[in-house]
Amino acid sequence: CSVAVHWRLATPSDAGKAQAAVEGA
């Protein structure tokens, strides 16, 4: 009933893309 996207171990570039993806969703 919810979904979390974690980017603790990601590079700064991929972390930014992950955050943008969850914000867009």
PDBML (XML) file of the C-alpha atoms, coordinates in Angstrom:
<?xml version="1.0" encoding="UTF-8" ?>
<PDBx:datablock datablockName="MODEL"
   xmlns:PDBx="http://pdbml.pdb.org/schema/pdbx-v50.xsd"
   xmlns:xsi="http://www.w3.org/2001/XMLSchema-instance"
   xsi:schemaLocation="http://pdbml.pdb.org/schema/pdbx-v50.xsd pdbx-v50.xsd">
   <PDBx:atom_siteCategory>
      <PDBx:atom_site id="1">
         <PDBx:B_iso_or_equiv>0.00</PDBx:B_iso_or_equiv>
         <PDBx:Cartn_x>0.000</PDBx:Cartn_x>
         <PDBx:Cartn_y>0.000</PDBx:Cartn_y>
         <PDBx:Cartn_z>0.000</PDBx:Cartn_z>
         <PDBx:auth_asym_id>A</PDBx:auth_asym_id>
         <PDBx:auth_atom_id>CA</PDBx:auth_atom_id>
         <PDBx:auth_comp_id>CYS</PDBx:auth_comp_id>
         <PDBx:auth_seq_id>1</PDBx:auth_seq_id>
         <PDBx:group_PDB>ATOM</PDBx:group_PDB>
         <PDBx:label_alt_id xsi:nil="true" />
         <PDBx:label_asym_id>A</PDBx:label_asym_id>
         <PDBx:label_atom_id>CA</PDBx:label_atom_id>
         <PDBx:label_comp_id>CYS</PDBx:label_comp_id>
         <PDBx:label_entity_id>1</PDBx:label_entity_id>
         <PDBx:label_seq_id>1</PDBx:label_seq_id>
         <PDBx:occupancy>1.00</PDBx:occupancy>
         <PDBx:pdbx_PDB_model_num>1</PDBx:pdbx_PDB_model_num>
         <PDBx:type_symbol>C</PDBx:type_symbol>
      </PDBx:atom_site>
      <PDBx:atom_site id="2">
         <PDBx:B_iso_or_equiv>0.00</PDBx:B_iso_or_equiv>
         <PDBx:Cartn_x>3.049</PDBx:Cartn_x>
         <PDBx:Cartn_y>2.225</PDBx:Cartn_y>
         <PDBx:Cartn_z>-0.297</PDBx:Cartn_z>
         <PDBx:auth_asym_id>A</PDBx:auth_asym_id>
         <PDBx:auth_atom_id>CA</PDBx:auth_atom_id>
         <PDBx:auth_comp_id>SER</PDBx:auth_comp_id>
         <PDBx:auth_seq_id>2</PDBx:auth_seq_id>
         <PDBx:group_PDB>ATOM</PDBx:group_PDB>
         <PDBx:label_alt_id xsi:nil="true" />
         <PDBx:label_asym_id>A</PDBx:label_asym_id>
         <PDBx:label_atom_id>CA</PDBx:label_atom_id>
         <PDBx:label_comp_id>SER</PDBx:label_comp_id>
         <PDBx:label_entity_id>1</PDBx:label_entity_id>
         <PDBx:label_seq_id>2</PDBx:label_seq_id>
         <PDBx:occupancy>1.00</PDBx:occupancy>
         <PDBx:pdbx_PDB_model_num>1</PDBx:pdbx_PDB_model_num>
         <PDBx:type_symbol>C</PDBx:type_symbol>
      </PDBx:atom_site>
      <PDBx:atom_site id="3">
         <PDBx:B_iso_or_equiv>0.00</PDBx:B_iso_or_equiv>
         <PDBx:Cartn_x>6.374</PDBx:Cartn_x>
         <PDBx:Cartn_y>2.181</PDBx:Cartn_y>
         <PDBx:Cartn_z>-2.097</PDBx:Cartn_z>
         <PDBx:auth_asym_id>A</PDBx:auth_asym_id>
         <PDBx:auth_atom_id>CA</PDBx:auth_atom_id>
         <PDBx:auth_comp_id>VAL</PDBx:auth_comp_id>
         <PDBx:auth_seq_id>3</PDBx:auth_seq_id>
         <PDBx:group_PDB>ATOM</PDBx:group_PDB>
         <PDBx:label_alt_id xsi:nil="true" />
         <PDBx:label_asym_id>A</PDBx:label_asym_id>
         <PDBx:label_atom_id>CA</PDBx:label_atom_id>
         <PDBx:label_comp_id>VAL</PDBx:label_comp_id>
         <PDBx:label_entity_id>1</PDBx:label_entity_id>
         <PDBx:label_seq_id>3</PDBx:label_seq_id>
         <PDBx:occupancy>1.00</PDBx:occupancy>
         <PDBx:pdbx_PDB_model_num>1</PDBx:pdbx_PDB_model_num>
         <PDBx:type_symbol>C</PDBx:type_symbol>
      </PDBx:atom_site>
      <PDBx:atom_site id="4">
         <PDBx:B_iso_or_equiv>0.00</PDBx:B_iso_or_equiv>
         <PDBx:Cartn_x>9.774</PDBx:Cartn_x>
         <PDBx:Cartn_y>3.470</PDBx:Cartn_y>
         <PDBx:Cartn_z>-1.019</PDBx:Cartn_z>
         <PDBx:auth_asym_id>A</PDBx:auth_asym_id>
         <PDBx:auth_atom_id>CA</PDBx:auth_atom_id>
         <PDBx:auth_comp_id>ALA</PDBx:auth_comp_id>
         <PDBx:auth_seq_id>4</PDBx:auth_seq_id>
         <PDBx:group_PDB>ATOM</PDBx:group_PDB>
         <PDBx:label_alt_id xsi:nil="true" />
         <PDBx:label_asym_id>A</PDBx:label_asym_id>
         <PDBx:label_atom_id>CA</PDBx:label_atom_id>
         <PDBx:label_comp_id>ALA</PDBx:label_comp_id>
         <PDBx:label_entity_id>1</PDBx:label_entity_id>
         <PDBx:label_seq_id>4</PDBx:label_seq_id>
         <PDBx:occupancy>1.00</PDBx:occupancy>
         <PDBx:pdbx_PDB_model_num>1</PDBx:pdbx_PDB_model_num>
         <PDBx:type_symbol>C</PDBx:type_symbol>
      </PDBx:atom_site>
      <PDBx:atom_site id="5">
         <PDBx:B_iso_or_equiv>0.00</PDBx:B_iso_or_equiv>
         <PDBx:Cartn_x>12.778</PDBx:Cartn_x>
         <PDBx:Cartn_y>4.216</PDBx:Cartn_y>
         <PDBx:Cartn_z>-3.225</PDBx:Cartn_z>
         <PDBx:auth_asym_id>A</PDBx:auth_asym_id>
         <PDBx:auth_atom_id>CA</PDBx:auth_atom_id>
         <PDBx:auth_comp_id>VAL</PDBx:auth_comp_id>
         <PDBx:auth_seq_id>5</PDBx:auth_seq_id>
         <PDBx:group_PDB>ATOM</PDBx:group_PDB>
         <PDBx:label_alt_id xsi:nil="true" />
         <PDBx:label_asym_id>A</PDBx:label_asym_id>
         <PDBx:label_atom_id>CA</PDBx:label_atom_id>
         <PDBx:label_comp_id>VAL</PDBx:label_comp_id>
         <PDBx:label_entity_id>1</PDBx:label_entity_id>
         <PDBx:label_seq_id>5</PDBx:label_seq_id>
         <PDBx:occupancy>1.00</PDBx:occupancy>
         <PDBx:pdbx_PDB_model_num>1</PDBx:pdbx_PDB_model_num>
         <PDBx:type_symbol>C</PDBx:type_symbol>
      </PDBx:atom_site>
      <PDBx:atom_site id="6">
         <PDBx:B_iso_or_equiv>0.00</PDBx:B_iso_or_equiv>
         <PDBx:Cartn_x>16.139</PDBx:Cartn_x>
         <PDBx:Cartn_y>4.039</PDBx:Cartn_y>
         <PDBx:Cartn_z>-1.424</PDBx:Cartn_z>
         <PDBx:auth_asym_id>A</PDBx:auth_asym_id>
         <PDBx:auth_atom_id>CA</PDBx:auth_atom_id>
         <PDBx:auth_comp_id>HIS</PDBx:auth_comp_id>
         <PDBx:auth_seq_id>6</PDBx:auth_seq_id>
         <PDBx:group_PDB>ATOM</PDBx:group_PDB>
         <PDBx:label_alt_id xsi:nil="true" />
         <PDBx:label_asym_id>A</PDBx:label_asym_id>
         <PDBx:label_atom_id>CA</PDBx:label_atom_id>
         <PDBx:label_comp_id>HIS</PDBx:label_comp_id>
         <PDBx:label_entity_id>1</PDBx:label_entity_id>
         <PDBx:label_seq_id>6</PDBx:label_seq_id>
         <PDBx:occupancy>1.00</PDBx:occupancy>
         <PDBx:pdbx_PDB_model_num>1</PDBx:pdbx_PDB_model_num>
         <PDBx:type_symbol>C</PDBx:type_symbol>
      </PDBx:atom_site>
      <PDBx:atom_site id="7">
         <PDBx:B_iso_or_equiv>0.00</PDBx:B_iso_or_equiv>
         <PDBx:Cartn_x>19.337</PDBx:Cartn_x>
         <PDBx:Cartn_y>5.588</PDBx:Cartn_y>
         <PDBx:Cartn_z>-2.800</PDBx:Cartn_z>
         <PDBx:auth_asym_id>A</PDBx:auth_asym_id>
         <PDBx:auth_atom_id>CA</PDBx:auth_atom_id>
         <PDBx:auth_comp_id>TRP</PDBx:auth_comp_id>
         <PDBx:auth_seq_id>7</PDBx:auth_seq_id>
         <PDBx:group_PDB>ATOM</PDBx:group_PDB>
         <PDBx:label_alt_id xsi:nil="true" />
         <PDBx:label_asym_id>A</PDBx:label_asym_id>
         <PDBx:label_atom_id>CA</PDBx:label_atom_id>
         <PDBx:label_comp_id>TRP</PDBx:label_comp_id>
         <PDBx:label_entity_id>1</PDBx:label_entity_id>
         <PDBx:label_seq_id>7</PDBx:label_seq_id>
         <PDBx:occupancy>1.00</PDBx:occupancy>
         <PDBx:pdbx_PDB_model_num>1</PDBx:pdbx_PDB_model_num>
         <PDBx:type_symbol>C</PDBx:type_symbol>
      </PDBx:atom_site>
      <PDBx:atom_site id="8">
         <PDBx:B_iso_or_equiv>0.00</PDBx:B_iso_or_equiv>
         <PDBx:Cartn_x>21.667</PDBx:Cartn_x>
         <PDBx:Cartn_y>5.521</PDBx:Cartn_y>
         <PDBx:Cartn_z>0.225</PDBx:Cartn_z>
         <PDBx:auth_asym_id>A</PDBx:auth_asym_id>
         <PDBx:auth_atom_id>CA</PDBx:auth_atom_id>
         <PDBx:auth_comp_id>ARG</PDBx:auth_comp_id>
         <PDBx:auth_seq_id>8</PDBx:auth_seq_id>
         <PDBx:group_PDB>ATOM</PDBx:group_PDB>
         <PDBx:label_alt_id xsi:nil="true" />
         <PDBx:label_asym_id>A</PDBx:label_asym_id>
         <PDBx:label_atom_id>CA</PDBx:label_atom_id>
         <PDBx:label_comp_id>ARG</PDBx:label_comp_id>
         <PDBx:label_entity_id>1</PDBx:label_entity_id>
         <PDBx:label_seq_id>8</PDBx:label_seq_id>
         <PDBx:occupancy>1.00</PDBx:occupancy>
         <PDBx:pdbx_PDB_model_num>1</PDBx:pdbx_PDB_model_num>
         <PDBx:type_symbol>C</PDBx:type_symbol>
      </PDBx:atom_site>
      <PDBx:atom_site id="9">
         <PDBx:B_iso_or_equiv>0.00</PDBx:B_iso_or_equiv>
         <PDBx:Cartn_x>24.341</PDBx:Cartn_x>
         <PDBx:Cartn_y>3.517</PDBx:Cartn_y>
         <PDBx:Cartn_z>-1.629</PDBx:Cartn_z>
         <PDBx:auth_asym_id>A</PDBx:auth_asym_id>
         <PDBx:auth_atom_id>CA</PDBx:auth_atom_id>
         <PDBx:auth_comp_id>LEU</PDBx:auth_comp_id>
         <PDBx:auth_seq_id>9</PDBx:auth_seq_id>
         <PDBx:group_PDB>ATOM</PDBx:group_PDB>
         <PDBx:label_alt_id xsi:nil="true" />
         <PDBx:label_asym_id>A</PDBx:label_asym_id>
         <PDBx:label_atom_id>CA</PDBx:label_atom_id>
         <PDBx:label_comp_id>LEU</PDBx:label_comp_id>
         <PDBx:label_entity_id>1</PDBx:label_entity_id>
         <PDBx:label_seq_id>9</PDBx:label_seq_id>
         <PDBx:occupancy>1.00</PDBx:occupancy>
         <PDBx:pdbx_PDB_model_num>1</PDBx:pdbx_PDB_model_num>
         <PDBx:type_symbol>C</PDBx:type_symbol>
      </PDBx:atom_site>
      <PDBx:atom_site id="10">
         <PDBx:B_iso_or_equiv>0.00</PDBx:B_iso_or_equiv>
         <PDBx:Cartn_x>23.911</PDBx:Cartn_x>
         <PDBx:Cartn_y>5.209</PDBx:Cartn_y>
         <PDBx:Cartn_z>-5.019</PDBx:Cartn_z>
         <PDBx:auth_asym_id>A</PDBx:auth_asym_id>
         <PDBx:auth_atom_id>CA</PDBx:auth_atom_id>
         <PDBx:auth_comp_id>ALA</PDBx:auth_comp_id>
         <PDBx:auth_seq_id>10</PDBx:auth_seq_id>
         <PDBx:group_PDB>ATOM</PDBx:group_PDB>
         <PDBx:label_alt_id xsi:nil="true" />
         <PDBx:label_asym_id>A</PDBx:label_asym_id>
         <PDBx:label_atom_id>CA</PDBx:label_atom_id>
         <PDBx:label_comp_id>ALA</PDBx:label_comp_id>
         <PDBx:label_entity_id>1</PDBx:label_entity_id>
         <PDBx:label_seq_id>10</PDBx:label_seq_id>
         <PDBx:occupancy>1.00</PDBx:occupancy>
         <PDBx:pdbx_PDB_model_num>1</PDBx:pdbx_PDB_model_num>
         <PDBx:type_symbol>C</PDBx:type_symbol>
      </PDBx:atom_site>
      <PDBx:atom_site id="11">
         <PDBx:B_iso_or_equiv>0.00</PDBx:B_iso_or_equiv>
         <PDBx:Cartn_x>26.262</PDBx:Cartn_x>
         <PDBx:Cartn_y>7.677</PDBx:Cartn_y>
         <PDBx:Cartn_z>-6.668</PDBx:Cartn_z>
         <PDBx:auth_asym_id>A</PDBx:auth_asym_id>
         <PDBx:auth_atom_id>CA</PDBx:auth_atom_id>
         <PDBx:auth_comp_id>THR</PDBx:auth_comp_id>
         <PDBx:auth_seq_id>11</PDBx:auth_seq_id>
         <PDBx:group_PDB>ATOM</PDBx:group_PDB>
         <PDBx:label_alt_id xsi:nil="true" />
         <PDBx:label_asym_id>A</PDBx:label_asym_id>
         <PDBx:label_atom_id>CA</PDBx:label_atom_id>
         <PDBx:label_comp_id>THR</PDBx:label_comp_id>
         <PDBx:label_entity_id>1</PDBx:label_entity_id>
         <PDBx:label_seq_id>11</PDBx:label_seq_id>
         <PDBx:occupancy>1.00</PDBx:occupancy>
         <PDBx:pdbx_PDB_model_num>1</PDBx:pdbx_PDB_model_num>
         <PDBx:type_symbol>C</PDBx:type_symbol>
      </PDBx:atom_site>
      <PDBx:atom_site id="12">
         <PDBx:B_iso_or_equiv>0.00</PDBx:B_iso_or_equiv>
         <PDBx:Cartn_x>25.198</PDBx:Cartn_x>
         <PDBx:Cartn_y>11.324</PDBx:Cartn_y>
         <PDBx:Cartn_z>-6.403</PDBx:Cartn_z>
         <PDBx:auth_asym_id>A</PDBx:auth_asym_id>
         <PDBx:auth_atom_id>CA</PDBx:auth_atom_id>
         <PDBx:auth_comp_id>PRO</PDBx:auth_comp_id>
         <PDBx:auth_seq_id>12</PDBx:auth_seq_id>
         <PDBx:group_PDB>ATOM</PDBx:group_PDB>
         <PDBx:label_alt_id xsi:nil="true" />
         <PDBx:label_asym_id>A</PDBx:label_asym_id>
         <PDBx:label_atom_id>CA</PDBx:label_atom_id>
         <PDBx:label_comp_id>PRO</PDBx:label_comp_id>
         <PDBx:label_entity_id>1</PDBx:label_entity_id>
         <PDBx:label_seq_id>12</PDBx:label_seq_id>
         <PDBx:occupancy>1.00</PDBx:occupancy>
         <PDBx:pdbx_PDB_model_num>1</PDBx:pdbx_PDB_model_num>
         <PDBx:type_symbol>C</PDBx:type_symbol>
      </PDBx:atom_site>
      <PDBx:atom_site id="13">
         <PDBx:B_iso_or_equiv>0.00</PDBx:B_iso_or_equiv>
         <PDBx:Cartn_x>24.091</PDBx:Cartn_x>
         <PDBx:Cartn_y>11.251</PDBx:Cartn_y>
         <PDBx:Cartn_z>-10.052</PDBx:Cartn_z>
         <PDBx:auth_asym_id>A</PDBx:auth_asym_id>
         <PDBx:auth_atom_id>CA</PDBx:auth_atom_id>
         <PDBx:auth_comp_id>SER</PDBx:auth_comp_id>
         <PDBx:auth_seq_id>13</PDBx:auth_seq_id>
         <PDBx:group_PDB>ATOM</PDBx:group_PDB>
         <PDBx:label_alt_id xsi:nil="true" />
         <PDBx:label_asym_id>A</PDBx:label_asym_id>
         <PDBx:label_atom_id>CA</PDBx:label_atom_id>
         <PDBx:label_comp_id>SER</PDBx:label_comp_id>
         <PDBx:label_entity_id>1</PDBx:label_entity_id>
         <PDBx:label_seq_id>13</PDBx:label_seq_id>
         <PDBx:occupancy>1.00</PDBx:occupancy>
         <PDBx:pdbx_PDB_model_num>1</PDBx:pdbx_PDB_model_num>
         <PDBx:type_symbol>C</PDBx:type_symbol>
      </PDBx:atom_site>
      <PDBx:atom_site id="14">
         <PDBx:B_iso_or_equiv>0.00</PDBx:B_iso_or_equiv>
         <PDBx:Cartn_x>21.970</PDBx:Cartn_x>
         <PDBx:Cartn_y>8.119</PDBx:Cartn_y>
         <PDBx:Cartn_z>-9.665</PDBx:Cartn_z>
         <PDBx:auth_asym_id>A</PDBx:auth_asym_id>
         <PDBx:auth_atom_id>CA</PDBx:auth_atom_id>
         <PDBx:auth_comp_id>ASP</PDBx:auth_comp_id>
         <PDBx:auth_seq_id>14</PDBx:auth_seq_id>
         <PDBx:group_PDB>ATOM</PDBx:group_PDB>
         <PDBx:label_alt_id xsi:nil="true" />
         <PDBx:label_asym_id>A</PDBx:label_asym_id>
         <PDBx:label_atom_id>CA</PDBx:label_atom_id>
         <PDBx:label_comp_id>ASP</PDBx:label_comp_id>
         <PDBx:label_entity_id>1</PDBx:label_entity_id>
         <PDBx:label_seq_id>14</PDBx:label_seq_id>
         <PDBx:occupancy>1.00</PDBx:occupancy>
         <PDBx:pdbx_PDB_model_num>1</PDBx:pdbx_PDB_model_num>
         <PDBx:type_symbol>C</PDBx:type_symbol>
      </PDBx:atom_site>
      <PDBx:atom_site id="15">
         <PDBx:B_iso_or_equiv>0.00</PDBx:B_iso_or_equiv>
         <PDBx:Cartn_x>20.621</PDBx:Cartn_x>
         <PDBx:Cartn_y>9.355</PDBx:Cartn_y>
         <PDBx:Cartn_z>-6.333</PDBx:Cartn_z>
         <PDBx:auth_asym_id>A</PDBx:auth_asym_id>
         <PDBx:auth_atom_id>CA</PDBx:auth_atom_id>
         <PDBx:auth_comp_id>ALA</PDBx:auth_comp_id>
         <PDBx:auth_seq_id>15</PDBx:auth_seq_id>
         <PDBx:group_PDB>ATOM</PDBx:group_PDB>
         <PDBx:label_alt_id xsi:nil="true" />
         <PDBx:label_asym_id>A</PDBx:label_asym_id>
         <PDBx:label_atom_id>CA</PDBx:label_atom_id>
         <PDBx:label_comp_id>ALA</PDBx:label_comp_id>
         <PDBx:label_entity_id>1</PDBx:label_entity_id>
         <PDBx:label_seq_id>15</PDBx:label_seq_id>
         <PDBx:occupancy>1.00</PDBx:occupancy>
         <PDBx:pdbx_PDB_model_num>1</PDBx:pdbx_PDB_model_num>
         <PDBx:type_symbol>C</PDBx:type_symbol>
      </PDBx:atom_site>
      <PDBx:atom_site id="16">
         <PDBx:B_iso_or_equiv>0.00</PDBx:B_iso_or_equiv>
         <PDBx:Cartn_x>19.388</PDBx:Cartn_x>
         <PDBx:Cartn_y>12.503</PDBx:Cartn_y>
         <PDBx:Cartn_z>-8.051</PDBx:Cartn_z>
         <PDBx:auth_asym_id>A</PDBx:auth_asym_id>
         <PDBx:auth_atom_id>CA</PDBx:auth_atom_id>
         <PDBx:auth_comp_id>GLY</PDBx:auth_comp_id>
         <PDBx:auth_seq_id>16</PDBx:auth_seq_id>
         <PDBx:group_PDB>ATOM</PDBx:group_PDB>
         <PDBx:label_alt_id xsi:nil="true" />
         <PDBx:label_asym_id>A</PDBx:label_asym_id>
         <PDBx:label_atom_id>CA</PDBx:label_atom_id>
         <PDBx:label_comp_id>GLY</PDBx:label_comp_id>
         <PDBx:label_entity_id>1</PDBx:label_entity_id>
         <PDBx:label_seq_id>16</PDBx:label_seq_id>
         <PDBx:occupancy>1.00</PDBx:occupancy>
         <PDBx:pdbx_PDB_model_num>1</PDBx:pdbx_PDB_model_num>
         <PDBx:type_symbol>C</PDBx:type_symbol>
      </PDBx:atom_site>
      <PDBx:atom_site id="17">
         <PDBx:B_iso_or_equiv>0.00</PDBx:B_iso_or_equiv>
         <PDBx:Cartn_x>17.751</PDBx:Cartn_x>
         <PDBx:Cartn_y>10.472</PDBx:Cartn_y>
         <PDBx:Cartn_z>-10.801</PDBx:Cartn_z>
         <PDBx:auth_asym_id>A</PDBx:auth_asym_id>
         <PDBx:auth_atom_id>CA</PDBx:auth_atom_id>
         <PDBx:auth_comp_id>LYS</PDBx:auth_comp_id>
         <PDBx:auth_seq_id>17</PDBx:auth_seq_id>
         <PDBx:group_PDB>ATOM</PDBx:group_PDB>
         <PDBx:label_alt_id xsi:nil="true" />
         <PDBx:label_asym_id>A</PDBx:label_asym_id>
         <PDBx:label_atom_id>CA</PDBx:label_atom_id>
         <PDBx:label_comp_id>LYS</PDBx:label_comp_id>
         <PDBx:label_entity_id>1</PDBx:label_entity_id>
         <PDBx:label_seq_id>17</PDBx:label_seq_id>
         <PDBx:occupancy>1.00</PDBx:occupancy>
         <PDBx:pdbx_PDB_model_num>1</PDBx:pdbx_PDB_model_num>
         <PDBx:type_symbol>C</PDBx:type_symbol>
      </PDBx:atom_site>
      <PDBx:atom_site id="18">
         <PDBx:B_iso_or_equiv>0.00</PDBx:B_iso_or_equiv>
         <PDBx:Cartn_x>16.090</PDBx:Cartn_x>
         <PDBx:Cartn_y>8.183</PDBx:Cartn_y>
         <PDBx:Cartn_z>-8.234</PDBx:Cartn_z>
         <PDBx:auth_asym_id>A</PDBx:auth_asym_id>
         <PDBx:auth_atom_id>CA</PDBx:auth_atom_id>
         <PDBx:auth_comp_id>ALA</PDBx:auth_comp_id>
         <PDBx:auth_seq_id>18</PDBx:auth_seq_id>
         <PDBx:group_PDB>ATOM</PDBx:group_PDB>
         <PDBx:label_alt_id xsi:nil="true" />
         <PDBx:label_asym_id>A</PDBx:label_asym_id>
         <PDBx:label_atom_id>CA</PDBx:label_atom_id>
         <PDBx:label_comp_id>ALA</PDBx:label_comp_id>
         <PDBx:label_entity_id>1</PDBx:label_entity_id>
         <PDBx:label_seq_id>18</PDBx:label_seq_id>
         <PDBx:occupancy>1.00</PDBx:occupancy>
         <PDBx:pdbx_PDB_model_num>1</PDBx:pdbx_PDB_model_num>
         <PDBx:type_symbol>C</PDBx:type_symbol>
      </PDBx:atom_site>
      <PDBx:atom_site id="19">
         <PDBx:B_iso_or_equiv>0.00</PDBx:B_iso_or_equiv>
         <PDBx:Cartn_x>14.686</PDBx:Cartn_x>
         <PDBx:Cartn_y>11.124</PDBx:Cartn_y>
         <PDBx:Cartn_z>-6.313</PDBx:Cartn_z>
         <PDBx:auth_asym_id>A</PDBx:auth_asym_id>
         <PDBx:auth_atom_id>CA</PDBx:auth_atom_id>
         <PDBx:auth_comp_id>GLN</PDBx:auth_comp_id>
         <PDBx:auth_seq_id>19</PDBx:auth_seq_id>
         <PDBx:group_PDB>ATOM</PDBx:group_PDB>
         <PDBx:label_alt_id xsi:nil="true" />
         <PDBx:label_asym_id>A</PDBx:label_asym_id>
         <PDBx:label_atom_id>CA</PDBx:label_atom_id>
         <PDBx:label_comp_id>GLN</PDBx:label_comp_id>
         <PDBx:label_entity_id>1</PDBx:label_entity_id>
         <PDBx:label_seq_id>19</PDBx:label_seq_id>
         <PDBx:occupancy>1.00</PDBx:occupancy>
         <PDBx:pdbx_PDB_model_num>1</PDBx:pdbx_PDB_model_num>
         <PDBx:type_symbol>C</PDBx:type_symbol>
      </PDBx:atom_site>
      <PDBx:atom_site id="20">
         <PDBx:B_iso_or_equiv>0.00</PDBx:B_iso_or_equiv>
         <PDBx:Cartn_x>13.425</PDBx:Cartn_x>
         <PDBx:Cartn_y>12.705</PDBx:Cartn_y>
         <PDBx:Cartn_z>-9.526</PDBx:Cartn_z>
         <PDBx:auth_asym_id>A</PDBx:auth_asym_id>
         <PDBx:auth_atom_id>CA</PDBx:auth_atom_id>
         <PDBx:auth_comp_id>ALA</PDBx:auth_comp_id>
         <PDBx:auth_seq_id>20</PDBx:auth_seq_id>
         <PDBx:group_PDB>ATOM</PDBx:group_PDB>
         <PDBx:label_alt_id xsi:nil="true" />
         <PDBx:label_asym_id>A</PDBx:label_asym_id>
         <PDBx:label_atom_id>CA</PDBx:label_atom_id>
         <PDBx:label_comp_id>ALA</PDBx:label_comp_id>
         <PDBx:label_entity_id>1</PDBx:label_entity_id>
         <PDBx:label_seq_id>20</PDBx:label_seq_id>
         <PDBx:occupancy>1.00</PDBx:occupancy>
         <PDBx:pdbx_PDB_model_num>1</PDBx:pdbx_PDB_model_num>
         <PDBx:type_symbol>C</PDBx:type_symbol>
      </PDBx:atom_site>
      <PDBx:atom_site id="21">
         <PDBx:B_iso_or_equiv>0.00</PDBx:B_iso_or_equiv>
         <PDBx:Cartn_x>11.743</PDBx:Cartn_x>
         <PDBx:Cartn_y>9.416</PDBx:Cartn_y>
         <PDBx:Cartn_z>-10.480</PDBx:Cartn_z>
         <PDBx:auth_asym_id>A</PDBx:auth_asym_id>
         <PDBx:auth_atom_id>CA</PDBx:auth_atom_id>
         <PDBx:auth_comp_id>ALA</PDBx:auth_comp_id>
         <PDBx:auth_seq_id>21</PDBx:auth_seq_id>
         <PDBx:group_PDB>ATOM</PDBx:group_PDB>
         <PDBx:label_alt_id xsi:nil="true" />
         <PDBx:label_asym_id>A</PDBx:label_asym_id>
         <PDBx:label_atom_id>CA</PDBx:label_atom_id>
         <PDBx:label_comp_id>ALA</PDBx:label_comp_id>
         <PDBx:label_entity_id>1</PDBx:label_entity_id>
         <PDBx:label_seq_id>21</PDBx:label_seq_id>
         <PDBx:occupancy>1.00</PDBx:occupancy>
         <PDBx:pdbx_PDB_model_num>1</PDBx:pdbx_PDB_model_num>
         <PDBx:type_symbol>C</PDBx:type_symbol>
      </PDBx:atom_site>
      <PDBx:atom_site id="22">
         <PDBx:B_iso_or_equiv>0.00</PDBx:B_iso_or_equiv>
         <PDBx:Cartn_x>9.865</PDBx:Cartn_x>
         <PDBx:Cartn_y>9.047</PDBx:Cartn_y>
         <PDBx:Cartn_z>-7.202</PDBx:Cartn_z>
         <PDBx:auth_asym_id>A</PDBx:auth_asym_id>
         <PDBx:auth_atom_id>CA</PDBx:auth_atom_id>
         <PDBx:auth_comp_id>VAL</PDBx:auth_comp_id>
         <PDBx:auth_seq_id>22</PDBx:auth_seq_id>
         <PDBx:group_PDB>ATOM</PDBx:group_PDB>
         <PDBx:label_alt_id xsi:nil="true" />
         <PDBx:label_asym_id>A</PDBx:label_asym_id>
         <PDBx:label_atom_id>CA</PDBx:label_atom_id>
         <PDBx:label_comp_id>VAL</PDBx:label_comp_id>
         <PDBx:label_entity_id>1</PDBx:label_entity_id>
         <PDBx:label_seq_id>22</PDBx:label_seq_id>
         <PDBx:occupancy>1.00</PDBx:occupancy>
         <PDBx:pdbx_PDB_model_num>1</PDBx:pdbx_PDB_model_num>
         <PDBx:type_symbol>C</PDBx:type_symbol>
      </PDBx:atom_site>
      <PDBx:atom_site id="23">
         <PDBx:B_iso_or_equiv>0.00</PDBx:B_iso_or_equiv>
         <PDBx:Cartn_x>8.885</PDBx:Cartn_x>
         <PDBx:Cartn_y>12.728</PDBx:Cartn_y>
         <PDBx:Cartn_z>-7.234</PDBx:Cartn_z>
         <PDBx:auth_asym_id>A</PDBx:auth_asym_id>
         <PDBx:auth_atom_id>CA</PDBx:auth_atom_id>
         <PDBx:auth_comp_id>GLU</PDBx:auth_comp_id>
         <PDBx:auth_seq_id>23</PDBx:auth_seq_id>
         <PDBx:group_PDB>ATOM</PDBx:group_PDB>
         <PDBx:label_alt_id xsi:nil="true" />
         <PDBx:label_asym_id>A</PDBx:label_asym_id>
         <PDBx:label_atom_id>CA</PDBx:label_atom_id>
         <PDBx:label_comp_id>GLU</PDBx:label_comp_id>
         <PDBx:label_entity_id>1</PDBx:label_entity_id>
         <PDBx:label_seq_id>23</PDBx:label_seq_id>
         <PDBx:occupancy>1.00</PDBx:occupancy>
         <PDBx:pdbx_PDB_model_num>1</PDBx:pdbx_PDB_model_num>
         <PDBx:type_symbol>C</PDBx:type_symbol>
      </PDBx:atom_site>
      <PDBx:atom_site id="24">
         <PDBx:B_iso_or_equiv>0.00</PDBx:B_iso_or_equiv>
         <PDBx:Cartn_x>7.526</PDBx:Cartn_x>
         <PDBx:Cartn_y>12.322</PDBx:Cartn_y>
         <PDBx:Cartn_z>-10.760</PDBx:Cartn_z>
         <PDBx:auth_asym_id>A</PDBx:auth_asym_id>
         <PDBx:auth_atom_id>CA</PDBx:auth_atom_id>
         <PDBx:auth_comp_id>GLY</PDBx:auth_comp_id>
         <PDBx:auth_seq_id>24</PDBx:auth_seq_id>
         <PDBx:group_PDB>ATOM</PDBx:group_PDB>
         <PDBx:label_alt_id xsi:nil="true" />
         <PDBx:label_asym_id>A</PDBx:label_asym_id>
         <PDBx:label_atom_id>CA</PDBx:label_atom_id>
         <PDBx:label_comp_id>GLY</PDBx:label_comp_id>
         <PDBx:label_entity_id>1</PDBx:label_entity_id>
         <PDBx:label_seq_id>24</PDBx:label_seq_id>
         <PDBx:occupancy>1.00</PDBx:occupancy>
         <PDBx:pdbx_PDB_model_num>1</PDBx:pdbx_PDB_model_num>
         <PDBx:type_symbol>C</PDBx:type_symbol>
      </PDBx:atom_site>
      <PDBx:atom_site id="25">
         <PDBx:B_iso_or_equiv>0.00</PDBx:B_iso_or_equiv>
         <PDBx:Cartn_x>5.607</PDBx:Cartn_x>
         <PDBx:Cartn_y>9.192</PDBx:Cartn_y>
         <PDBx:Cartn_z>-9.814</PDBx:Cartn_z>
         <PDBx:auth_asym_id>A</PDBx:auth_asym_id>
         <PDBx:auth_atom_id>CA</PDBx:auth_atom_id>
         <PDBx:auth_comp_id>ALA</PDBx:auth_comp_id>
         <PDBx:auth_seq_id>25</PDBx:auth_seq_id>
         <PDBx:group_PDB>ATOM</PDBx:group_PDB>
         <PDBx:label_alt_id xsi:nil="true" />
         <PDBx:label_asym_id>A</PDBx:label_asym_id>
         <PDBx:label_atom_id>CA</PDBx:label_atom_id>
         <PDBx:label_comp_id>ALA</PDBx:label_comp_id>
         <PDBx:label_entity_id>1</PDBx:label_entity_id>
         <PDBx:label_seq_id>25</PDBx:label_seq_id>
         <PDBx:occupancy>1.00</PDBx:occupancy>
         <PDBx:pdbx_PDB_model_num>1</PDBx:pdbx_PDB_model_num>
         <PDBx:type_symbol>C</PDBx:type_symbol>
      </PDBx:atom_site>
   </PDBx:atom_siteCategory>
</PDBx:datablock>
